[in-house]
Amino acid sequence: MTETPASQSLSTFWTKLSPALASRDFRLFWVSQIVSTTGTFFQLLAERWLIYEMTQSAFMLGVIGFIGLIPVIPISFLGGFIIDRVPRRKLLLITQSGLLLQAIVFATLVYSGQIRVWHIIFLDFVLGSLAAIDQPARQSFLTDLVGKKDLADAVALNSILFHFTRTLGFTTSGLIIASIGASGAIILNAFTYLAPIVALLLIQTEGIGSDKGKAPLKSALSEGLRVIWKSPPVLGVISLIAIAGGLSWPVYGLMPAFVEEVLQAGPIALGGLLGISGLGALLGIFVMSHQKHRKRGHQIMAAGLATPLLMLGFAASRTVVIAGVFSFVYGLSQLILQTMANTLIQINIPDYVRGRVMSVYTLLNAGMPAFAGIVVGAGANFIGLPMAFTISGAVALAYVVFVYVVIPSVRHLD
């Protein structure tokens, strides 16, 4: 089919913005995820605020977040195996439809006033089960949509998506909660899942996994772990995002308690602090977009050192303004850490185990923050949130130094 001058001009426009956007299917997928992920942050903030209002406990914030990750451990390994062997578009249609149903049930319970803590625990368990397959499937689908050549650009655009929607979602959700309550934010989230479902129905790329082997299930499941173990740089990067990134994440997960107990503020301040960290991340995207794709290993190590240091500064904050400054720079640092980790892993692993490796990455990237949240939340009951944040940040900082010294191949990645 011959392209018209208008379609050629439009294609050139998208390519100038980013080579990955030249793909029609990627554009559909990316735009739909902007809508859906914004809704996810609506619900995330509303749920955290709801939990804290119902329990008045930072520990329970961590516990409920961790419970949602329990099914991720067994499901993620099986999910990675499935992702490498079945059409990813159809798999994503199933997981996104399941997430829509979960959101509808949650919204109905909140709107009717029947919501209880055990409902939230159960729904988070369901959400974690679906996300254990959905998240690595989405990461793996990027290669199918744009190819290896434009993969780094697609990963960068995904980071833009995540941090832009976090800024928009958290800031807007804080205003929604303050004006009409948590139920409004949760109901809006349910509607946003329609966007990716429609997009996946329109996308033509099937994304069939490249693992055509007939290896037994047990052997196939462990193959992703073997690939990671035999590549020290990949192992080092995954451990950085898990430990340094994970131990620093309670800044977000326990922020409702920090805002109310330490800063003596409410939901608007909470949404503002989380939103401003997203603005910092957007600045990070701008900075990274003007750098050549070189010395990625040095960039991830620098971000790995900066992130826990900024957590220490946030822990010492006693006003919303000072907390906002640290939150802004923390968002920038987290953006670089996560984007570099995702990019370095994706470009340094073979296609046939991509789903399984990305499942391990997703498991640790989601599981460690949840585990850190429950430990820091428990510690806060005895020593207070500021000291609990300080200890977590110090351990994270020590691990980054360990990686820098013991696994030098990480900082030499390009």
Protein backbone atom coordinates (compact mmCIF):
# COMPACT_ATOMS: atom_id res chain seq x y z
CA MET A 1 0.00 0.00 0.00
CA THR A 2 1.49 3.37 -1.10
CA GLU A 3 1.64 6.09 1.52
CA THR A 4 0.03 9.44 0.71
CA PRO A 5 2.07 12.65 1.16
CA ALA A 6 -0.02 13.43 4.25
CA SER A 7 0.69 10.06 5.87
CA GLN A 8 4.39 10.36 4.99
CA SER A 9 4.49 13.81 6.60
CA LEU A 10 2.76 12.50 9.74
CA SER A 11 5.17 9.56 9.92
CA THR A 12 8.12 11.96 9.65
CA PHE A 13 6.63 14.09 12.45
CA TRP A 14 6.36 11.11 14.83
CA THR A 15 9.86 9.90 13.93
CA LYS A 16 11.33 13.32 14.75
CA LEU A 17 9.69 13.20 18.18
CA SER A 18 11.04 9.71 18.83
CA PRO A 19 11.92 6.83 16.48
CA ALA A 20 9.68 4.47 18.50
CA LEU A 21 6.63 6.66 17.80
CA ALA A 22 6.96 5.92 14.09
CA SER A 23 5.23 2.61 14.89
CA ARG A 24 1.43 2.99 14.73
CA ASP A 25 0.92 0.06 17.10
CA PHE A 26 3.35 1.49 19.64
CA ARG A 27 1.57 4.87 19.51
CA LEU A 28 -1.78 3.22 20.23
CA PHE A 29 -0.28 1.23 23.09
CA TRP A 30 1.59 4.21 24.55
CA VAL A 31 -1.31 6.67 24.48
CA SER A 32 -3.70 4.12 25.99
CA GLN A 33 -1.25 3.45 28.81
CA ILE A 34 -1.11 7.19 29.58
CA VAL A 35 -4.86 7.12 30.25
CA SER A 36 -4.81 3.87 32.21
CA THR A 37 -1.72 4.63 34.30
CA THR A 38 -3.08 8.04 35.29
CA GLY A 39 -6.14 6.22 36.63
CA THR A 40 -3.92 3.75 38.46
CA PHE A 41 -2.27 6.60 40.35
CA PHE A 42 -5.72 8.02 41.14
CA GLN A 43 -6.57 4.74 42.85
CA LEU A 44 -3.13 4.22 44.43
CA LEU A 45 -3.20 7.50 46.33
CA ALA A 46 -6.91 7.15 47.19
CA GLU A 47 -6.36 3.62 48.50
CA ARG A 48 -3.41 4.66 50.67
CA TRP A 49 -5.37 7.58 52.09
CA LEU A 50 -8.40 5.32 52.67
CA ILE A 51 -6.30 2.69 54.47
CA TYR A 52 -4.67 5.26 56.72
CA GLU A 53 -8.02 6.89 57.52
CA MET A 54 -9.48 3.47 58.41
CA THR A 55 -6.52 2.15 60.45
CA GLN A 56 -4.44 5.20 61.52
CA SER A 57 -1.39 2.94 61.14
CA ALA A 58 1.76 3.33 59.02
CA PHE A 59 2.39 -0.36 59.65
CA MET A 60 -0.92 -1.30 58.00
CA LEU A 61 0.01 0.78 54.96
CA GLY A 62 3.07 -1.42 54.58
CA VAL A 63 1.23 -4.67 55.38
CA ILE A 64 -1.51 -4.17 52.81
CA GLY A 65 1.01 -3.14 50.16
CA PHE A 66 3.02 -6.28 50.87
CA ILE A 67 -0.01 -8.59 50.74
CA GLY A 68 -0.64 -7.46 47.18
CA LEU A 69 2.82 -8.80 46.30
CA ILE A 70 2.40 -12.27 47.84
CA PRO A 71 0.94 -13.84 44.66
CA VAL A 72 3.60 -12.16 42.52
CA ILE A 73 6.34 -14.56 43.69
CA PRO A 74 4.89 -17.84 42.35
CA ILE A 75 2.92 -16.29 39.49
CA SER A 76 5.74 -14.15 38.08
CA PHE A 77 7.93 -17.15 37.20
CA LEU A 78 5.06 -18.98 35.51
CA GLY A 79 4.01 -15.71 33.89
CA GLY A 80 7.46 -15.22 32.38
CA PHE A 81 7.29 -18.71 30.89
CA ILE A 82 3.87 -17.92 29.38
CA ILE A 83 5.01 -14.53 28.04
CA ASP A 84 7.87 -16.19 26.13
CA ARG A 85 5.57 -18.73 24.46
CA VAL A 86 2.14 -17.17 23.74
CA PRO A 87 0.91 -14.12 21.77
CA ARG A 88 1.53 -11.18 24.08
CA ARG A 89 -1.28 -9.01 22.69
CA LYS A 90 -3.92 -11.58 23.59
CA LEU A 91 -2.32 -12.19 26.97
CA LEU A 92 -2.46 -8.44 27.71
CA LEU A 93 -6.13 -8.33 26.67
CA ILE A 94 -6.88 -10.96 29.31
CA THR A 95 -4.89 -9.25 32.09
CA GLN A 96 -6.25 -5.77 31.30
CA SER A 97 -9.83 -7.10 31.31
CA GLY A 98 -9.18 -8.70 34.69
CA LEU A 99 -7.80 -5.41 36.04
CA LEU A 100 -10.93 -3.64 34.79
CA LEU A 101 -13.18 -6.06 36.69
CA GLN A 102 -11.07 -5.65 39.85
CA ALA A 103 -11.36 -1.86 39.59
CA ILE A 104 -15.15 -2.03 39.09
CA VAL A 105 -15.59 -4.17 42.23
CA PHE A 106 -13.36 -1.81 44.25
CA ALA A 107 -15.23 1.27 43.01
CA THR A 108 -18.60 -0.30 43.78
CA LEU A 109 -17.62 -1.19 47.35
CA VAL A 110 -16.21 2.27 48.06
CA TYR A 111 -19.15 4.13 46.47
CA SER A 112 -21.69 2.05 48.40
CA GLY A 113 -19.89 2.65 51.70
CA GLN A 114 -19.44 -1.09 52.28
CA ILE A 115 -15.65 -1.13 51.93
CA ARG A 116 -13.70 -2.84 54.74
CA VAL A 117 -10.00 -3.40 55.28
CA TRP A 118 -10.31 -7.09 54.36
CA HIS A 119 -11.92 -6.09 51.05
CA ILE A 120 -8.89 -3.95 50.23
CA ILE A 121 -6.53 -6.80 51.20
CA PHE A 122 -8.39 -9.25 48.95
CA LEU A 123 -8.60 -6.83 46.01
CA ASP A 124 -4.89 -6.02 46.33
CA PHE A 125 -4.20 -9.76 46.24
CA VAL A 126 -6.17 -10.01 42.98
CA LEU A 127 -4.42 -6.93 41.60
CA GLY A 128 -1.01 -8.38 42.45
CA SER A 129 -1.86 -11.69 40.76
CA LEU A 130 -2.84 -9.96 37.51
CA ALA A 131 0.05 -7.47 37.64
CA ALA A 132 2.56 -10.33 38.03
CA ILE A 133 1.82 -11.24 34.41
CA ASP A 134 0.66 -7.90 33.02
CA GLN A 135 3.71 -5.79 33.89
CA PRO A 136 6.47 -8.02 32.44
CA ALA A 137 4.22 -8.75 29.45
CA ARG A 138 3.96 -5.02 28.75
CA GLN A 139 7.74 -4.63 29.07
CA SER A 140 8.38 -7.55 26.73
CA PHE A 141 5.74 -6.33 24.23
CA LEU A 142 7.80 -3.17 23.62
CA THR A 143 10.37 -5.16 21.64
CA ASP A 144 7.60 -6.65 19.49
CA LEU A 145 6.14 -3.21 18.78
CA VAL A 146 9.33 -1.32 17.85
CA GLY A 147 12.13 -3.89 17.44
CA LYS A 148 15.56 -3.96 19.08
CA LYS A 149 16.76 -0.91 17.12
CA ASP A 150 14.29 1.50 18.77
CA LEU A 151 13.95 -0.35 22.08
CA ALA A 152 15.94 2.21 24.09
CA ASP A 153 13.64 4.97 22.80
CA ALA A 154 10.53 2.93 23.66
CA VAL A 155 11.83 2.33 27.20
CA ALA A 156 12.54 6.07 27.58
CA LEU A 157 9.00 6.91 26.38
CA ASN A 158 7.63 4.43 28.90
CA SER A 159 9.50 6.30 31.61
CA ILE A 160 8.02 9.57 30.37
CA LEU A 161 4.60 7.92 30.53
CA PHE A 162 5.09 6.62 34.06
CA HIS A 163 6.40 9.83 35.56
CA PHE A 164 4.07 12.18 33.69
CA THR A 165 1.05 10.15 34.76
CA ARG A 166 2.37 9.95 38.31
CA THR A 167 2.58 13.74 38.44
CA LEU A 168 -0.85 14.20 36.90
CA GLY A 169 -2.46 11.30 38.78
CA PHE A 170 -1.15 12.06 42.26
CA THR A 171 -1.72 15.82 42.04
CA THR A 172 -5.22 15.48 40.62
CA SER A 173 -6.11 12.65 42.97
CA GLY A 174 -5.18 14.77 45.99
CA LEU A 175 -7.63 17.44 44.81
CA ILE A 176 -10.32 14.82 44.08
CA ILE A 177 -9.97 13.24 47.54
CA ALA A 178 -10.14 16.65 49.21
CA SER A 179 -13.26 17.65 47.25
CA ILE A 180 -15.40 14.52 46.80
CA GLY A 181 -13.57 11.79 48.70
CA ALA A 182 -11.54 8.69 47.82
CA SER A 183 -14.50 7.05 46.06
CA GLY A 184 -14.37 9.57 43.19
CA ALA A 185 -10.73 8.79 42.41
CA ILE A 186 -11.32 5.02 42.53
CA ILE A 187 -14.40 5.22 40.27
CA LEU A 188 -12.45 7.25 37.68
CA ASN A 189 -9.71 4.61 37.66
CA ALA A 190 -12.21 1.92 36.66
CA PHE A 191 -13.15 3.85 33.51
CA THR A 192 -9.52 4.35 32.43
CA TYR A 193 -8.97 0.61 31.85
CA LEU A 194 -11.18 0.83 28.76
CA ALA A 195 -8.43 2.72 26.89
CA PRO A 196 -5.80 -0.09 26.76
CA ILE A 197 -8.46 -2.72 26.01
CA VAL A 198 -9.65 -0.76 22.96
CA ALA A 199 -6.05 -0.09 21.89
CA LEU A 200 -5.09 -3.77 22.12
CA LEU A 201 -8.10 -4.66 19.96
CA LEU A 202 -6.82 -2.21 17.30
CA ILE A 203 -3.13 -3.20 17.49
CA GLN A 204 -2.07 -5.58 14.71
CA THR A 205 1.19 -6.84 16.25
CA GLU A 206 0.61 -10.17 18.02
CA GLY A 207 3.97 -10.33 19.80
CA ILE A 208 4.54 -14.08 19.72
CA GLY A 209 7.30 -15.13 22.12
CA SER A 210 10.56 -16.28 20.52
CA ASP A 211 11.11 -19.29 22.81
CA LYS A 212 10.19 -22.24 20.60
CA GLY A 213 11.94 -24.79 22.78
CA LYS A 214 10.32 -27.89 24.22
CA ALA A 215 12.21 -27.81 27.51
CA PRO A 216 10.32 -29.16 30.54
CA LEU A 217 8.46 -26.54 32.56
CA LYS A 218 10.84 -26.74 35.55
CA SER A 219 13.93 -26.27 33.37
CA ALA A 220 12.32 -23.49 31.32
CA LEU A 221 11.27 -21.59 34.44
CA SER A 222 14.81 -21.60 35.86
CA GLU A 223 16.45 -20.58 32.59
CA GLY A 224 15.81 -16.89 33.15
CA LEU A 225 17.54 -17.08 36.54
CA ARG A 226 20.52 -18.87 34.96
CA VAL A 227 20.88 -16.15 32.32
CA ILE A 228 20.86 -13.46 35.03
CA TRP A 229 23.35 -15.32 37.24
CA LYS A 230 25.81 -15.83 34.37
CA SER A 231 25.83 -12.12 33.52
CA PRO A 232 27.34 -10.15 36.45
CA PRO A 233 26.43 -6.73 34.95
CA VAL A 234 22.76 -7.70 34.57
CA LEU A 235 22.76 -9.26 38.04
CA GLY A 236 24.30 -6.08 39.45
CA VAL A 237 21.74 -3.82 37.75
CA ILE A 238 18.78 -5.90 38.92
CA SER A 239 20.13 -5.97 42.48
CA LEU A 240 20.60 -2.19 42.41
CA ILE A 241 17.01 -1.51 41.44
CA ALA A 242 15.80 -4.10 43.96
CA ILE A 243 17.83 -3.04 47.01
CA ALA A 244 18.84 0.60 46.47
CA GLY A 245 15.58 1.47 44.71
CA GLY A 246 13.44 -0.75 46.93
CA LEU A 247 14.76 0.46 50.28
CA SER A 248 14.29 4.06 49.14
CA TRP A 249 10.71 3.55 47.92
CA PRO A 250 8.97 3.90 51.35
CA VAL A 251 9.27 7.67 50.76
CA TYR A 252 6.31 7.13 48.42
CA GLY A 253 4.59 4.17 50.07
CA LEU A 254 4.46 5.65 53.57
CA MET A 255 4.10 9.29 52.60
CA PRO A 256 0.45 9.55 53.77
CA ALA A 257 1.63 8.76 57.31
CA PHE A 258 4.67 11.07 57.02
CA VAL A 259 2.53 13.96 55.79
CA GLU A 260 -0.01 13.61 58.61
CA GLU A 261 2.26 12.62 61.51
CA VAL A 262 5.46 14.56 60.78
CA LEU A 263 4.45 17.45 58.50
CA GLN A 264 1.01 17.90 60.09
CA ALA A 265 -0.66 18.36 56.69
CA GLY A 266 -3.54 16.83 54.68
CA PRO A 267 -4.42 15.24 51.30
CA ILE A 268 -3.68 18.32 49.19
CA ALA A 269 -0.12 18.49 50.56
CA LEU A 270 0.19 14.73 50.03
CA GLY A 271 -0.87 14.97 46.40
CA GLY A 272 1.39 17.99 45.92
CA LEU A 273 4.49 16.24 47.31
CA LEU A 274 3.92 13.14 45.21
CA GLY A 275 3.14 15.30 42.19
CA ILE A 276 6.27 17.43 42.55
CA SER A 277 8.40 14.30 42.66
CA GLY A 278 6.86 13.50 39.29
CA LEU A 279 7.91 16.93 38.02
CA GLY A 280 11.44 16.13 39.12
CA ALA A 281 11.21 12.92 37.12
CA LEU A 282 10.05 14.86 34.05
CA LEU A 283 13.13 17.08 34.41
CA GLY A 284 15.19 13.91 34.55
CA ILE A 285 13.66 12.76 31.27
CA PHE A 286 14.56 16.11 29.67
CA VAL A 287 18.15 15.83 30.91
CA MET A 288 18.50 12.24 29.69
CA SER A 289 16.99 13.04 26.28
CA HIS A 290 19.80 15.54 25.66
CA GLN A 291 22.56 13.10 26.53
CA LYS A 292 24.12 10.63 24.15
CA HIS A 293 23.49 6.96 24.89
CA ARG A 294 26.89 6.53 26.49
CA LYS A 295 28.21 5.67 29.92
CA ARG A 296 24.84 4.32 31.07
CA GLY A 297 26.68 2.35 33.75
CA HIS A 298 28.07 5.56 35.25
CA GLN A 299 24.60 7.13 35.15
CA ILE A 300 22.92 4.27 37.00
CA MET A 301 25.64 4.23 39.67
CA ALA A 302 25.32 8.01 40.18
CA ALA A 303 21.53 7.72 40.48
CA GLY A 304 21.96 4.74 42.80
CA LEU A 305 24.09 6.84 45.15
CA ALA A 306 21.87 9.93 44.95
CA THR A 307 18.53 8.22 45.63
CA PRO A 308 19.21 7.01 49.21
CA LEU A 309 21.04 10.26 50.03
CA LEU A 310 17.91 12.19 49.05
CA MET A 311 15.82 9.84 51.17
CA LEU A 312 17.98 10.82 54.14
CA GLY A 313 17.31 14.47 53.39
CA PHE A 314 13.57 13.86 53.09
CA ALA A 315 13.57 12.04 56.45
CA ALA A 316 15.05 15.14 58.09
CA SER A 317 12.39 17.46 56.61
CA ARG A 318 9.91 19.07 58.98
CA THR A 319 8.04 21.42 56.62
CA VAL A 320 6.13 20.77 53.40
CA VAL A 321 8.38 23.19 51.49
CA ILE A 322 11.65 21.46 52.45
CA ALA A 323 10.08 18.03 51.89
CA GLY A 324 8.97 19.27 48.48
CA VAL A 325 12.53 20.22 47.51
CA PHE A 326 13.87 16.78 48.41
CA SER A 327 10.85 15.12 46.79
CA PHE A 328 11.54 16.98 43.53
CA VAL A 329 15.19 15.92 43.29
CA TYR A 330 14.32 12.42 44.54
CA GLY A 331 11.91 12.04 41.62
CA LEU A 332 14.66 13.02 39.17
CA SER A 333 17.08 10.50 40.69
CA GLN A 334 14.53 7.67 40.77
CA LEU A 335 13.70 8.32 37.10
CA ILE A 336 17.33 7.91 36.04
CA LEU A 337 17.80 4.82 38.22
CA GLN A 338 14.70 3.03 36.92
CA THR A 339 15.10 4.04 33.27
CA MET A 340 18.75 3.06 33.14
CA ALA A 341 18.03 -0.27 34.87
CA ASN A 342 15.22 -1.15 32.48
CA THR A 343 17.21 -0.13 29.40
CA LEU A 344 20.43 -1.90 30.41
CA ILE A 345 18.60 -5.12 31.22
CA GLN A 346 16.53 -5.12 28.01
CA ILE A 347 19.50 -4.52 25.69
CA ASN A 348 21.73 -7.08 27.44
CA ILE A 349 19.45 -10.14 27.50
CA PRO A 350 18.58 -12.58 24.68
CA ASP A 351 15.07 -12.48 23.20
CA TYR A 352 14.18 -16.09 23.98
CA VAL A 353 14.21 -15.49 27.76
CA ARG A 354 13.02 -11.87 27.72
CA GLY A 355 9.69 -12.62 29.40
CA ARG A 356 11.28 -14.66 32.18
CA VAL A 357 14.06 -12.15 32.89
CA MET A 358 11.61 -9.24 32.88
CA SER A 359 9.38 -11.21 35.25
CA VAL A 360 12.27 -11.49 37.71
CA TYR A 361 12.96 -7.78 37.26
CA THR A 362 9.29 -6.92 37.83
CA LEU A 363 9.10 -9.21 40.86
CA LEU A 364 12.08 -7.55 42.55
CA ASN A 365 11.18 -4.04 41.38
CA ALA A 366 7.70 -4.42 42.91
CA GLY A 367 8.44 -6.84 45.74
CA MET A 368 11.35 -5.09 47.42
CA PRO A 369 9.53 -1.75 47.83
CA ALA A 370 6.57 -3.62 49.35
CA PHE A 371 8.85 -5.57 51.69
CA ALA A 372 10.72 -2.38 52.63
CA GLY A 373 7.37 -0.68 53.26
CA ILE A 374 6.27 -3.29 55.78
CA VAL A 375 9.66 -3.31 57.58
CA VAL A 376 9.97 0.47 57.69
CA GLY A 377 6.29 0.80 58.67
CA ALA A 378 6.81 -1.67 61.53
CA GLY A 379 9.95 0.12 62.65
CA ALA A 380 8.14 3.45 62.59
CA ASN A 381 5.82 2.21 65.34
CA PHE A 382 8.83 2.01 67.67
CA ILE A 383 11.32 4.65 66.51
CA GLY A 384 9.18 7.00 64.40
CA LEU A 385 9.01 7.45 60.63
CA PRO A 386 11.96 9.86 60.28
CA MET A 387 14.40 7.46 61.97
CA ALA A 388 12.95 4.46 60.11
CA PHE A 389 13.45 6.31 56.80
CA THR A 390 17.01 7.21 57.83
CA ILE A 391 18.01 3.61 58.58
CA SER A 392 16.46 2.33 55.33
CA GLY A 393 18.28 5.00 53.31
CA ALA A 394 21.60 4.26 55.02
CA VAL A 395 21.36 0.53 54.21
CA ALA A 396 20.49 1.34 50.59
CA LEU A 397 23.49 3.67 50.33
CA ALA A 398 25.82 1.01 51.75
CA TYR A 399 24.64 -1.51 49.15
CA VAL A 400 25.29 0.89 46.25
CA VAL A 401 28.87 1.31 47.48
CA PHE A 402 29.15 -2.49 47.68
CA VAL A 403 28.06 -2.89 44.03
CA TYR A 404 30.44 -0.13 42.93
CA VAL A 405 33.38 -1.96 44.52
CA VAL A 406 32.50 -5.64 44.01
CA ILE A 407 30.79 -5.57 40.57
CA PRO A 408 32.78 -2.96 38.58
CA SER A 409 31.33 -4.26 35.29
CA VAL A 410 28.09 -2.43 36.10
CA ARG A 411 29.65 1.02 35.82
CA HIS A 412 31.36 0.03 32.56
CA LEU A 413 28.07 -0.77 30.80
CA ASP A 414 27.30 1.38 27.77
